[in-house]
Amino acid sequence: MGLQQVFMANLRKYRKQLGYTQEKLAELCSTDPCYIRQIEIGRRFPSIKYIEKIAEALGIAPYRLFYEETNQENDRFLSLYAEKKQKIKKMLIDNVNQICSMIDEE
């Protein structure tokens, strides 16, 4: 996939993850929704300065718009996330059990 296609896909992905319409993103970037549509379909390509503006509106670092994640990287991230989630869940359950034991002793 070419760099422009990666940018277009990431722009759409991050916009949708935030639940933003093209109109909402355009509003946050102080532009016309038509410009965002043209970027997403590849008819126009923004300047570096405008890419920074888009990234700021999306709450991400600008390089994320050009970074093509592979399935392997996504799988690794999801696996690490699941591990951390399980450890935190176990820790919370242990703490709740300790608190309940202390209450029962009183």
Protein backbone atom coordinates (compact mmCIF):
# COMPACT_ATOMS: atom_id res chain seq x y z
CA MET A 1 0.00 0.00 0.00
CA GLY A 2 1.34 3.43 -0.90
CA LEU A 3 1.93 6.18 1.62
CA GLN A 4 -1.10 8.20 0.52
CA GLN A 5 -3.35 5.14 0.80
CA VAL A 6 -1.98 4.43 4.30
CA PHE A 7 -2.68 8.05 5.26
CA MET A 8 -6.21 7.91 3.87
CA ALA A 9 -6.98 4.62 5.64
CA ASN A 10 -5.56 5.83 8.95
CA LEU A 11 -7.39 9.14 8.77
CA ARG A 12 -10.67 7.31 8.24
CA LYS A 13 -9.84 4.70 10.93
CA TYR A 14 -8.94 7.23 13.65
CA ARG A 15 -11.84 9.50 12.74
CA LYS A 16 -14.32 6.63 13.02
CA GLN A 17 -12.75 5.32 16.24
CA LEU A 18 -13.53 8.68 17.81
CA GLY A 19 -17.05 8.61 16.36
CA TYR A 20 -16.36 11.76 14.34
CA THR A 21 -18.15 12.44 11.11
CA GLN A 22 -16.26 14.15 8.31
CA GLU A 23 -18.22 17.26 9.24
CA LYS A 24 -17.10 17.10 12.90
CA LEU A 25 -13.44 16.61 11.92
CA ALA A 26 -13.70 19.48 9.46
CA GLU A 27 -15.14 21.68 12.21
CA LEU A 28 -12.26 20.76 14.56
CA CYS A 29 -9.77 21.55 11.78
CA SER A 30 -11.52 24.79 10.78
CA THR A 31 -12.14 23.66 7.22
CA ASP A 32 -14.93 22.58 4.92
CA PRO A 33 -16.22 18.97 5.16
CA CYS A 34 -15.67 18.70 1.41
CA TYR A 35 -11.92 19.04 1.98
CA ILE A 36 -11.88 16.15 4.46
CA ARG A 37 -13.89 14.02 1.99
CA GLN A 38 -11.43 14.84 -0.79
CA ILE A 39 -8.50 13.83 1.42
CA GLU A 40 -10.16 10.55 2.40
CA ILE A 41 -10.81 9.58 -1.22
CA GLY A 42 -7.39 10.66 -2.43
CA ARG A 43 -8.35 13.66 -4.57
CA ARG A 44 -6.39 16.06 -2.39
CA PHE A 45 -3.44 15.70 -0.04
CA PRO A 46 -2.88 18.08 2.86
CA SER A 47 0.26 20.05 3.63
CA ILE A 48 2.49 19.04 6.54
CA LYS A 49 1.07 21.93 8.57
CA TYR A 50 -2.46 20.72 7.92
CA ILE A 51 -1.51 17.10 8.73
CA GLU A 52 -0.41 18.38 12.14
CA LYS A 53 -3.79 20.09 12.54
CA ILE A 54 -5.64 16.88 11.65
CA ALA A 55 -3.52 14.82 14.06
CA GLU A 56 -4.17 17.32 16.85
CA ALA A 57 -7.92 17.14 16.20
CA LEU A 58 -7.71 13.33 16.35
CA GLY A 59 -5.56 13.41 19.49
CA ILE A 60 -2.71 11.43 17.95
CA ALA A 61 0.91 12.03 16.95
CA PRO A 62 1.13 12.98 13.25
CA TYR A 63 3.31 9.97 12.39
CA ARG A 64 0.39 7.67 13.32
CA LEU A 65 -1.37 8.83 10.16
CA PHE A 66 1.47 7.35 8.08
CA TYR A 67 2.11 4.23 10.11
CA GLU A 68 0.86 1.01 8.58
CA GLU A 69 0.13 -1.46 11.34
CA THR A 70 0.49 -5.07 10.39
CA ASN A 71 -1.83 -7.74 11.73
CA GLN A 72 1.12 -9.18 13.64
CA GLU A 73 1.63 -5.88 15.50
CA ASN A 74 -2.08 -5.65 16.24
CA ASP A 75 -2.13 -9.24 17.49
CA ARG A 76 0.89 -8.59 19.73
CA PHE A 77 -0.71 -5.46 21.16
CA LEU A 78 -4.01 -7.23 21.81
CA SER A 79 -2.18 -10.11 23.46
CA LEU A 80 -0.23 -7.78 25.77
CA TYR A 81 -3.41 -5.86 26.55
CA ALA A 82 -5.25 -9.08 27.46
CA GLU A 83 -2.36 -10.18 29.73
CA LYS A 84 -2.30 -6.84 31.57
CA LYS A 85 -6.07 -6.86 31.89
CA GLN A 86 -6.01 -10.35 33.45
CA LYS A 87 -3.26 -9.35 35.93
CA ILE A 88 -5.17 -6.23 36.99
CA LYS A 89 -8.40 -8.20 37.33
CA LYS A 90 -6.69 -10.80 39.55
CA MET A 91 -5.10 -8.07 41.66
CA LEU A 92 -8.47 -6.36 42.15
CA ILE A 93 -10.17 -9.62 43.13
CA ASP A 94 -7.39 -10.39 45.62
CA ASN A 95 -7.71 -6.92 47.13
CA VAL A 96 -11.50 -7.18 47.41
CA ASN A 97 -11.14 -10.58 49.09
CA GLN A 98 -8.64 -9.16 51.59
CA ILE A 99 -10.95 -6.25 52.38
CA CYS A 100 -13.91 -8.59 52.85
CA SER A 101 -11.83 -10.77 55.20
CA MET A 102 -10.84 -7.74 57.25
CA ILE A 103 -14.49 -6.65 57.52
CA ASP A 104 -15.57 -10.14 58.55
CA GLU A 105 -12.94 -10.20 61.31
CA GLU A 106 -14.35 -7.04 62.89
